[in-house]
Amino acid sequence: MDHGTNNSEPTQTGPFSRTSSSGPSLRKRSFSISRVMSFQTDDDVHSESVSEAGDIGDRALQSNRHSVTSSFRSSVDHAMESGAVVHPSELNEISLVSPVLEDAVSPLPFDPLKCSGDQKQEKQGLPLSLEYISCLIHLAVFGILGVLTRYLLERLFGPSITGVTSNQTIVYPNLPSNMVGSFLMGWWGVVFKGDISQVSDILAIGLTTGYLGSVTTFSGWNQKMLDLSLNGHWVQAVLGFLIGLFLAAYSLIFGIETAKGFRWILKRLNTSTKKEVPSTCCNWRLNSVRCHLAAVVVLLLILGVLLSVSGALLEEEFSSGSSGAQLWLACLVAPLGVWIRWFLARLNGRGLGKSGILRWLPFGTLIANISAACIMAALSIAEKPVNTKNFNTVATGIQLGFLGCLSTVSTFIAEFNAMRESKYPWRAYVYAFITMGLSFVLGILIYDVPAWTKGYT
């Protein structure tokens, strides 16, 4: 008679029983560790995505080729090859988590108008080297257009026409362009960025990093506050920073809200007419190598025309030392500033060291703005003792073009707004204080102190 038949699971003795009894505790410990690691990973991803809210530089080209899903799949494959057992439910969790992470590391949140199923086409991009060249051409063209727009806005609102802005008040000459660029960032860089990317990812980079980053300028803003402090107007200088930050931030918010309203109107019209809005987007999509090459050729021709006209007009007007000569020189040197800022943006979301300390701080944008502000302060103090027509033309052209495009307010404000709406809103104000504080203090040392010492006030 077998008494063991009544037990569905036979008891184990010896080391097996010890292992069996310790199983629940090991699972509890493993679960607690996994929760801690999950929390740390979520916090790192959150900090990285906030830091990348404005721009990620040339990493955007690489991220289009390597998705988060493939990285998850490779990690699972590696685990299975090493002998680990992956439960099917874990694979389901990976497939569910990866789209969330793809949204988390996206440069800016958006809700694109997706194409209908019968119109979806697989994108055929350029080789990576040609993609870099195409991106540089886009940045150069849109950077020059951004300089021209900033110059026109400065003239329009300046003392010569409307008299809204002035060099002697907190309403500095670049304030209108910073507000307009931040407003458009809410449209092209937040709400409709996904729709623009449906046409071309490089076009989205050209519009946001190239055009809007060049329409706005941080170095010019900082320099005008230094001019106020040089003459003893310290309160006005501080108020100029605070008011400039407030107006740019709310211009971005106003742009986001108006763009959302416009999107809502489009959807309502689409619903009433029962037409598919995305059909136009799909028709304009650059989904083949031939379309990409055609776009590159067209933009290359536009770039050649812009540089040729700027060079010819500069040669004609340089000896006069007019503002026109400064503008044409600015157009020639603007692409270099945009390119450097774009390459520096790859540092955003990476942090310091191998462990990625302070990953939430956009070091690429921070370095671009502070370095441009310092170089502009150095050129401004160098103008005072030299004070010749040719040197002033060159210095002002570099400040307007190269340094104006190297620094940016639209990207800075996009990052500030993303931090302000994150789990840690205090980071936004720390980031703004570090950017403006360091630029102003270093500017005082470079510009104000030598001017006071040598009596240039």
Protein backbone atom coordinates (compact mmCIF):
# COMPACT_ATOMS: atom_id res chain seq x y z
CA MET A 1 0.00 0.00 0.00
CA ASP A 2 1.50 3.24 -1.10
CA HIS A 3 0.81 6.08 1.30
CA GLY A 4 2.65 8.62 -0.88
CA THR A 5 -0.10 8.71 -3.42
CA ASN A 6 -2.13 11.07 -1.22
CA ASN A 7 0.53 13.82 -1.47
CA SER A 8 0.54 15.76 -4.70
CA GLU A 9 4.04 17.10 -3.99
CA PRO A 10 6.53 14.91 -2.13
CA THR A 11 8.48 16.53 0.68
CA GLN A 12 12.14 17.14 0.17
CA THR A 13 14.88 16.88 2.71
CA GLY A 14 18.47 17.98 2.96
CA PRO A 15 19.76 20.87 0.94
CA PHE A 16 16.76 20.77 -1.39
CA SER A 17 14.40 21.58 1.46
CA ARG A 18 16.61 24.55 2.44
CA THR A 19 16.55 25.84 -1.10
CA SER A 20 12.81 25.43 -1.28
CA SER A 21 12.24 27.32 1.95
CA SER A 22 14.54 30.12 0.94
CA GLY A 23 12.83 30.53 -2.46
CA PRO A 24 10.14 33.02 -1.33
CA SER A 25 12.69 35.21 0.44
CA LEU A 26 14.91 35.23 -2.63
CA ARG A 27 11.95 36.16 -4.79
CA LYS A 28 11.03 38.97 -2.39
CA ARG A 29 14.57 40.28 -2.42
CA SER A 30 14.72 40.01 -6.21
CA PHE A 31 11.39 41.84 -6.48
CA SER A 32 12.54 44.64 -4.17
CA ILE A 33 15.82 45.04 -6.06
CA SER A 34 13.99 45.08 -9.38
CA ARG A 35 11.65 47.78 -8.05
CA VAL A 36 14.60 49.92 -6.98
CA MET A 37 16.34 49.40 -10.32
CA SER A 38 13.09 50.15 -12.16
CA PHE A 39 12.65 53.37 -10.19
CA GLN A 40 16.24 54.42 -10.89
CA THR A 41 15.86 53.59 -14.59
CA ASP A 42 12.59 55.51 -14.85
CA ASP A 43 14.18 58.51 -13.13
CA ASP A 44 17.20 58.38 -15.47
CA VAL A 45 14.98 58.14 -18.53
CA HIS A 46 12.84 61.01 -17.23
CA SER A 47 15.88 63.20 -16.56
CA GLU A 48 17.34 62.35 -19.96
CA SER A 49 14.11 63.08 -21.82
CA VAL A 50 13.69 66.44 -20.04
CA SER A 51 17.28 67.41 -20.83
CA GLU A 52 16.70 66.47 -24.48
CA ALA A 53 13.50 68.52 -24.74
CA GLY A 54 15.09 71.13 -26.99
CA ASP A 55 17.72 69.37 -29.10
CA ILE A 56 19.92 66.27 -29.19
CA GLY A 57 22.15 67.24 -32.10
CA ASP A 58 23.41 64.60 -34.50
CA ARG A 59 22.20 61.85 -32.18
CA ALA A 60 18.78 62.45 -33.73
CA LEU A 61 20.07 60.97 -36.99
CA GLN A 62 21.41 57.91 -35.25
CA SER A 63 18.29 57.42 -33.13
CA ASN A 64 16.22 57.20 -36.30
CA ARG A 65 18.27 54.17 -37.31
CA HIS A 66 18.41 52.41 -33.94
CA SER A 67 15.11 52.25 -32.10
CA VAL A 68 14.62 51.47 -28.44
CA THR A 69 12.79 48.29 -29.38
CA SER A 70 15.87 46.87 -31.08
CA SER A 71 17.96 47.56 -27.99
CA PHE A 72 15.43 45.70 -25.84
CA ARG A 73 15.40 42.81 -28.30
CA SER A 74 19.19 42.60 -28.35
CA SER A 75 19.30 42.56 -24.55
CA VAL A 76 16.75 39.71 -24.48
CA ASP A 77 18.71 37.80 -27.12
CA HIS A 78 21.89 38.24 -25.10
CA ALA A 79 20.16 36.99 -21.97
CA MET A 80 18.84 33.91 -23.76
CA GLU A 81 22.25 33.17 -25.29
CA SER A 82 23.84 33.33 -21.82
CA GLY A 83 21.46 30.63 -20.59
CA ALA A 84 18.90 32.77 -18.80
CA VAL A 85 15.27 31.75 -19.06
CA VAL A 86 13.02 34.50 -20.40
CA HIS A 87 9.35 33.92 -19.64
CA PRO A 88 6.91 34.71 -22.46
CA SER A 89 5.13 37.21 -20.21
CA GLU A 90 8.41 39.13 -19.90
CA LEU A 91 8.60 39.37 -23.67
CA ASN A 92 5.09 40.79 -23.67
CA GLU A 93 6.12 43.32 -21.04
CA ILE A 94 9.07 44.35 -23.19
CA SER A 95 6.85 44.82 -26.22
CA LEU A 96 4.52 46.96 -24.11
CA VAL A 97 7.23 49.00 -22.41
CA SER A 98 9.35 49.83 -25.46
CA PRO A 99 6.82 52.21 -27.10
CA VAL A 100 6.58 54.12 -23.84
CA LEU A 101 10.33 54.51 -23.69
CA GLU A 102 10.43 55.60 -27.31
CA ASP A 103 8.07 58.42 -26.35
CA ALA A 104 10.13 59.19 -23.25
CA VAL A 105 13.39 59.74 -25.09
CA SER A 106 11.75 61.68 -27.92
CA PRO A 107 13.20 65.21 -28.16
CA LEU A 108 9.79 66.84 -27.71
CA PRO A 109 6.31 65.46 -27.01
CA PHE A 110 3.99 65.54 -29.97
CA ASP A 111 0.79 64.00 -31.29
CA PRO A 112 1.28 63.68 -35.03
CA LEU A 113 -1.56 63.36 -37.48
CA LYS A 114 -0.88 59.80 -38.58
CA CYS A 115 -1.35 58.59 -42.11
CA SER A 116 -4.10 56.17 -42.93
CA GLY A 117 -3.23 52.54 -43.30
CA ASP A 118 -3.41 52.43 -47.09
CA GLN A 119 -1.11 55.44 -47.38
CA LYS A 120 1.66 54.30 -45.06
CA GLN A 121 4.94 53.85 -46.84
CA GLU A 122 8.27 52.68 -45.60
CA LYS A 123 10.82 55.50 -45.45
CA GLN A 124 13.99 54.97 -47.45
CA GLY A 125 16.56 57.31 -45.97
CA LEU A 126 19.95 58.39 -47.20
CA PRO A 127 23.20 56.75 -46.14
CA LEU A 128 24.45 58.16 -42.84
CA SER A 129 27.21 60.25 -44.45
CA LEU A 130 24.81 61.85 -46.94
CA GLU A 131 22.29 62.33 -44.14
CA TYR A 132 24.89 64.35 -42.21
CA ILE A 133 25.62 66.46 -45.27
CA SER A 134 21.93 67.03 -45.87
CA CYS A 135 21.43 68.06 -42.27
CA LEU A 136 24.34 70.51 -42.40
CA ILE A 137 22.91 72.09 -45.55
CA HIS A 138 19.47 72.40 -43.94
CA LEU A 139 21.00 73.99 -40.84
CA ALA A 140 23.04 76.44 -42.92
CA VAL A 141 20.10 77.60 -45.05
CA PHE A 142 17.67 77.95 -42.16
CA GLY A 143 20.37 79.52 -39.99
CA ILE A 144 20.92 82.30 -42.53
CA LEU A 145 17.16 82.82 -42.83
CA GLY A 146 17.01 83.02 -39.04
CA VAL A 147 19.66 85.76 -38.98
CA LEU A 148 17.77 87.75 -41.61
CA THR A 149 14.53 87.40 -39.63
CA ARG A 150 16.19 88.48 -36.39
CA TYR A 151 17.75 91.50 -38.08
CA LEU A 152 14.41 92.55 -39.60
CA LEU A 153 12.61 92.20 -36.27
CA GLU A 154 15.32 94.18 -34.52
CA ARG A 155 15.01 96.97 -37.09
CA LEU A 156 11.20 96.88 -37.05
CA PHE A 157 10.86 97.24 -33.28
CA GLY A 158 13.98 99.39 -32.88
CA PRO A 159 14.23 103.18 -32.44
CA SER A 160 14.40 103.82 -36.20
CA ILE A 161 10.84 102.56 -36.92
CA THR A 162 8.47 101.78 -34.02
CA GLY A 163 10.74 102.63 -31.08
CA VAL A 164 9.54 99.75 -28.91
CA THR A 165 13.02 98.51 -27.99
CA SER A 166 16.16 100.37 -26.95
CA ASN A 167 19.74 99.70 -25.90
CA GLN A 168 19.24 101.78 -22.75
CA THR A 169 16.21 99.95 -21.33
CA ILE A 170 15.27 96.46 -20.19
CA VAL A 171 13.27 96.08 -23.42
CA TYR A 172 16.42 95.10 -25.29
CA PRO A 173 16.55 94.95 -29.13
CA ASN A 174 16.51 91.13 -29.34
CA LEU A 175 13.45 90.70 -27.10
CA PRO A 176 10.89 90.64 -29.97
CA SER A 177 12.86 88.01 -31.91
CA ASN A 178 13.27 85.89 -28.76
CA MET A 179 9.52 86.05 -28.18
CA VAL A 180 8.64 85.27 -31.81
CA GLY A 181 11.10 82.37 -31.93
CA SER A 182 9.81 80.92 -28.65
CA PHE A 183 6.22 81.25 -29.87
CA LEU A 184 7.01 79.41 -33.11
CA MET A 185 8.88 76.78 -31.09
CA GLY A 186 5.54 75.93 -29.53
CA TRP A 187 4.15 75.31 -33.02
CA TRP A 188 6.99 73.68 -34.93
CA GLY A 189 9.00 72.27 -32.05
CA VAL A 190 6.24 70.87 -29.83
CA VAL A 191 2.75 70.45 -31.28
CA PHE A 192 3.45 70.00 -34.99
CA LYS A 193 6.94 68.58 -34.80
CA GLY A 194 5.62 65.08 -35.37
CA ASP A 195 3.76 66.18 -38.48
CA ILE A 196 6.85 67.92 -39.85
CA SER A 197 8.88 64.79 -39.12
CA GLN A 198 6.34 62.82 -41.15
CA VAL A 199 7.53 64.85 -44.14
CA SER A 200 11.22 64.84 -43.23
CA ASP A 201 13.12 64.38 -39.98
CA ILE A 202 15.89 66.63 -41.29
CA LEU A 203 13.38 69.35 -42.12
CA ALA A 204 12.23 69.29 -38.49
CA ILE A 205 15.86 69.74 -37.39
CA GLY A 206 16.35 72.57 -39.87
CA LEU A 207 13.25 74.45 -38.69
CA THR A 208 13.81 74.06 -34.94
CA THR A 209 17.59 73.96 -34.49
CA GLY A 210 18.45 75.93 -37.63
CA TYR A 211 15.78 78.60 -38.04
CA LEU A 212 14.26 79.09 -34.58
CA GLY A 213 17.62 78.63 -32.86
CA SER A 214 19.02 81.42 -35.04
CA VAL A 215 16.02 83.76 -34.82
CA THR A 216 16.55 83.81 -31.06
CA THR A 217 19.85 84.66 -29.39
CA PHE A 218 21.04 84.45 -25.82
CA SER A 219 24.41 86.13 -26.28
CA GLY A 220 22.84 89.39 -27.51
CA TRP A 221 20.42 89.36 -24.57
CA ASN A 222 23.27 88.88 -22.08
CA GLN A 223 25.38 91.59 -23.70
CA LYS A 224 22.64 94.22 -23.41
CA MET A 225 22.31 93.44 -19.70
CA LEU A 226 26.09 93.86 -19.38
CA ASP A 227 25.80 97.27 -21.05
CA LEU A 228 23.22 98.26 -18.45
CA SER A 229 25.41 97.07 -15.59
CA LEU A 230 28.41 98.88 -17.06
CA ASN A 231 26.56 102.17 -16.59
CA GLY A 232 25.48 101.28 -13.06
CA HIS A 233 21.92 100.15 -13.87
CA TRP A 234 22.11 96.90 -11.91
CA VAL A 235 18.42 96.71 -11.04
CA GLN A 236 17.45 97.14 -14.69
CA ALA A 237 19.91 94.44 -15.68
CA VAL A 238 18.41 91.94 -13.23
CA LEU A 239 14.89 92.90 -14.28
CA GLY A 240 15.93 92.50 -17.91
CA PHE A 241 16.86 88.88 -17.27
CA LEU A 242 13.69 88.14 -15.31
CA ILE A 243 11.33 89.86 -17.75
CA GLY A 244 13.10 88.34 -20.73
CA LEU A 245 12.79 84.85 -19.21
CA PHE A 246 9.13 85.41 -18.32
CA LEU A 247 8.14 86.73 -21.76
CA ALA A 248 10.01 84.03 -23.66
CA ALA A 249 8.56 81.26 -21.47
CA TYR A 250 5.00 82.47 -21.87
CA SER A 251 5.51 83.03 -25.58
CA LEU A 252 6.32 79.32 -25.81
CA ILE A 253 3.26 78.40 -23.75
CA PHE A 254 1.06 80.69 -25.85
CA GLY A 255 2.46 79.08 -28.98
CA ILE A 256 1.70 75.58 -27.67
CA GLU A 257 -1.87 76.48 -26.72
CA THR A 258 -2.66 78.25 -29.99
CA ALA A 259 -1.15 75.36 -31.96
CA LYS A 260 -3.30 72.91 -30.02
CA GLY A 261 -6.33 75.04 -30.81
CA PHE A 262 -5.43 75.11 -34.49
CA ARG A 263 -4.98 71.32 -34.45
CA TRP A 264 -8.39 70.96 -32.82
CA ILE A 265 -9.96 73.11 -35.55
CA LEU A 266 -8.32 70.97 -38.23
CA LYS A 267 -9.66 67.82 -36.62
CA ARG A 268 -13.13 69.30 -36.37
CA LEU A 269 -13.05 70.29 -40.03
CA ASN A 270 -11.77 66.84 -40.88
CA THR A 271 -14.63 65.25 -38.96
CA SER A 272 -17.29 67.45 -40.55
CA THR A 273 -16.04 66.95 -44.11
CA LYS A 274 -15.11 63.29 -43.50
CA LYS A 275 -11.80 63.78 -45.23
CA GLU A 276 -8.45 62.50 -44.10
CA VAL A 277 -6.19 65.36 -43.07
CA PRO A 278 -2.99 63.29 -43.17
CA SER A 279 -3.28 62.60 -46.90
CA THR A 280 -1.47 65.84 -47.74
CA CYS A 281 1.21 65.02 -45.19
CA CYS A 282 1.75 61.62 -46.76
CA ASN A 283 1.89 63.06 -50.26
CA TRP A 284 4.68 65.44 -49.23
CA ARG A 285 6.67 62.81 -47.35
CA LEU A 286 10.25 62.31 -48.49
CA ASN A 287 10.13 58.52 -48.47
CA SER A 288 12.71 57.68 -51.10
CA VAL A 289 16.37 58.35 -51.76
CA ARG A 290 15.47 60.25 -54.93
CA CYS A 291 13.20 62.65 -53.00
CA HIS A 292 15.88 63.21 -50.36
CA LEU A 293 18.53 63.93 -53.00
CA ALA A 294 16.21 66.33 -54.82
CA ALA A 295 15.60 68.23 -51.58
CA VAL A 296 19.35 68.37 -50.89
CA VAL A 297 20.07 69.72 -54.38
CA VAL A 298 17.40 72.42 -54.06
CA LEU A 299 18.64 73.54 -50.66
CA LEU A 300 22.24 73.44 -51.86
CA LEU A 301 21.31 75.81 -54.68
CA ILE A 302 19.51 78.10 -52.21
CA LEU A 303 22.56 78.05 -49.95
CA GLY A 304 24.81 78.92 -52.88
CA VAL A 305 22.58 81.85 -53.81
CA LEU A 306 22.45 83.14 -50.23
CA LEU A 307 26.22 82.95 -49.77
CA SER A 308 26.95 84.44 -53.19
CA VAL A 309 24.59 87.39 -52.72
CA SER A 310 25.86 87.99 -49.19
CA GLY A 311 29.48 87.91 -50.35
CA ALA A 312 28.85 90.28 -53.25
CA LEU A 313 26.93 92.77 -51.12
CA LEU A 314 29.55 92.58 -48.37
CA GLU A 315 32.32 93.40 -50.82
CA GLU A 316 30.30 96.35 -52.07
CA GLU A 317 29.36 97.81 -48.69
CA PHE A 318 32.26 96.80 -46.44
CA SER A 319 34.20 100.03 -46.79
CA SER A 320 31.15 102.06 -45.74
CA GLY A 321 30.85 100.26 -42.42
CA SER A 322 27.05 100.30 -42.68
CA SER A 323 24.63 98.00 -40.91
CA GLY A 324 24.09 96.28 -44.25
CA ALA A 325 27.74 95.23 -44.38
CA GLN A 326 27.43 93.84 -40.87
CA LEU A 327 24.35 91.87 -41.89
CA TRP A 328 25.96 90.31 -44.98
CA LEU A 329 29.02 89.29 -42.99
CA ALA A 330 26.67 87.81 -40.39
CA CYS A 331 25.00 85.70 -43.08
CA LEU A 332 28.38 84.33 -44.19
CA VAL A 333 29.46 83.23 -40.70
CA ALA A 334 26.02 82.14 -39.42
CA PRO A 335 26.23 78.50 -40.61
CA LEU A 336 29.35 77.87 -38.52
CA GLY A 337 27.54 78.94 -35.35
CA VAL A 338 24.54 76.73 -36.10
CA TRP A 339 26.74 73.71 -36.83
CA ILE A 340 28.71 74.05 -33.60
CA ARG A 341 25.53 74.41 -31.53
CA TRP A 342 24.04 71.36 -33.25
CA PHE A 343 27.11 69.24 -32.51
CA LEU A 344 27.20 70.47 -28.89
CA ALA A 345 23.55 69.45 -28.48
CA ARG A 346 24.62 65.80 -28.56
CA LEU A 347 25.77 66.38 -24.95
CA ASN A 348 22.20 67.03 -23.80
CA GLY A 349 20.87 64.20 -21.64
CA ARG A 350 24.28 62.56 -21.23
CA GLY A 351 25.38 64.01 -17.89
CA LEU A 352 28.92 64.04 -16.53
CA GLY A 353 31.22 61.05 -16.46
CA LYS A 354 30.42 57.41 -17.13
CA SER A 355 27.68 57.38 -14.50
CA GLY A 356 25.88 60.33 -16.10
CA ILE A 357 25.74 62.70 -13.15
CA LEU A 358 23.32 65.63 -13.58
CA ARG A 359 21.77 64.02 -16.62
CA TRP A 360 18.82 66.39 -16.37
CA LEU A 361 21.07 69.38 -17.16
CA PRO A 362 21.39 70.12 -20.93
CA PHE A 363 25.16 70.63 -21.00
CA GLY A 364 25.25 71.11 -24.78
CA THR A 365 22.90 74.10 -24.75
CA LEU A 366 24.52 75.40 -21.57
CA ILE A 367 28.01 75.37 -23.09
CA ALA A 368 26.80 76.96 -26.33
CA ASN A 369 25.03 79.85 -24.58
CA ILE A 370 27.73 80.60 -22.02
CA SER A 371 30.61 80.37 -24.52
CA ALA A 372 28.80 82.62 -27.02
CA ALA A 373 28.05 85.16 -24.29
CA CYS A 374 31.71 85.22 -23.20
CA ILE A 375 33.04 85.60 -26.75
CA MET A 376 30.57 88.41 -27.43
CA ALA A 377 31.69 90.19 -24.26
CA ALA A 378 35.33 89.84 -25.35
CA LEU A 379 34.59 91.28 -28.79
CA SER A 380 32.60 94.13 -27.27
CA ILE A 381 35.43 95.19 -24.98
CA ALA A 382 37.92 94.85 -27.86
CA GLU A 383 35.88 97.29 -29.95
CA LYS A 384 36.32 100.13 -27.46
CA PRO A 385 40.10 100.73 -27.71
CA VAL A 386 40.34 99.92 -31.43
CA ASN A 387 37.21 101.81 -32.54
CA THR A 388 37.83 101.63 -36.29
CA LYS A 389 35.17 101.26 -38.95
CA ASN A 390 36.46 98.00 -40.38
CA PHE A 391 37.00 96.35 -37.01
CA ASN A 392 33.54 97.37 -35.81
CA THR A 393 32.00 95.92 -38.97
CA VAL A 394 33.78 92.60 -38.51
CA ALA A 395 33.08 92.40 -34.77
CA THR A 396 29.41 93.29 -35.13
CA GLY A 397 29.00 90.87 -38.04
CA ILE A 398 30.48 88.04 -35.98
CA GLN A 399 28.28 88.94 -33.03
CA LEU A 400 25.15 89.10 -35.15
CA GLY A 401 25.84 85.99 -37.21
CA PHE A 402 28.22 83.50 -35.62
CA LEU A 403 27.53 84.21 -31.93
CA GLY A 404 23.85 84.92 -32.50
CA CYS A 405 23.46 81.46 -34.05
CA LEU A 406 25.79 79.72 -31.58
CA SER A 407 23.53 80.78 -28.72
CA THR A 408 19.78 80.22 -28.59
CA VAL A 409 16.75 81.11 -26.53
CA SER A 410 14.12 78.92 -28.22
CA THR A 411 15.89 75.69 -27.28
CA PHE A 412 16.77 77.06 -23.84
CA ILE A 413 13.12 77.96 -23.18
CA ALA A 414 11.88 74.60 -24.49
CA GLU A 415 14.18 72.85 -22.01
CA PHE A 416 13.14 75.26 -19.24
CA ASN A 417 9.46 74.59 -19.90
CA ALA A 418 9.97 70.80 -20.00
CA MET A 419 11.72 70.92 -16.63
CA ARG A 420 9.04 73.17 -15.17
CA GLU A 421 6.34 70.66 -16.11
CA SER A 422 8.34 67.62 -14.97
CA LYS A 423 8.38 65.82 -11.62
CA TYR A 424 11.10 68.22 -10.46
CA PRO A 425 10.03 71.75 -11.45
CA TRP A 426 12.80 73.31 -9.34
CA ARG A 427 15.32 72.10 -11.93
CA ALA A 428 13.97 74.63 -14.43
CA TYR A 429 14.86 77.57 -12.20
CA VAL A 430 18.24 76.09 -11.28
CA TYR A 431 19.00 75.65 -14.99
CA ALA A 432 17.93 79.23 -15.77
CA PHE A 433 19.95 80.59 -12.84
CA ILE A 434 23.08 78.67 -13.88
CA THR A 435 22.79 79.81 -17.52
CA MET A 436 22.06 83.47 -16.84
CA GLY A 437 24.15 83.72 -13.68
CA LEU A 438 27.34 82.25 -15.11
CA SER A 439 27.00 84.20 -18.36
CA PHE A 440 26.45 87.48 -16.51
CA VAL A 441 29.24 86.96 -13.95
CA LEU A 442 31.77 85.90 -16.57
CA GLY A 443 30.63 88.80 -18.75
CA ILE A 444 31.27 91.23 -15.91
CA LEU A 445 34.81 89.89 -15.55
CA ILE A 446 35.46 90.00 -19.30
CA TYR A 447 33.61 93.19 -20.23
CA ASP A 448 32.70 95.40 -17.27
CA VAL A 449 35.88 95.15 -15.19
CA PRO A 450 38.30 96.09 -18.04
CA ALA A 451 35.95 98.89 -19.10
CA TRP A 452 35.83 100.30 -15.58
CA THR A 453 39.59 99.93 -15.18
CA LYS A 454 40.42 101.75 -18.43
CA GLY A 455 37.61 104.27 -18.23
CA TYR A 456 35.57 103.16 -21.24
CA THR A 457 32.22 103.88 -19.57
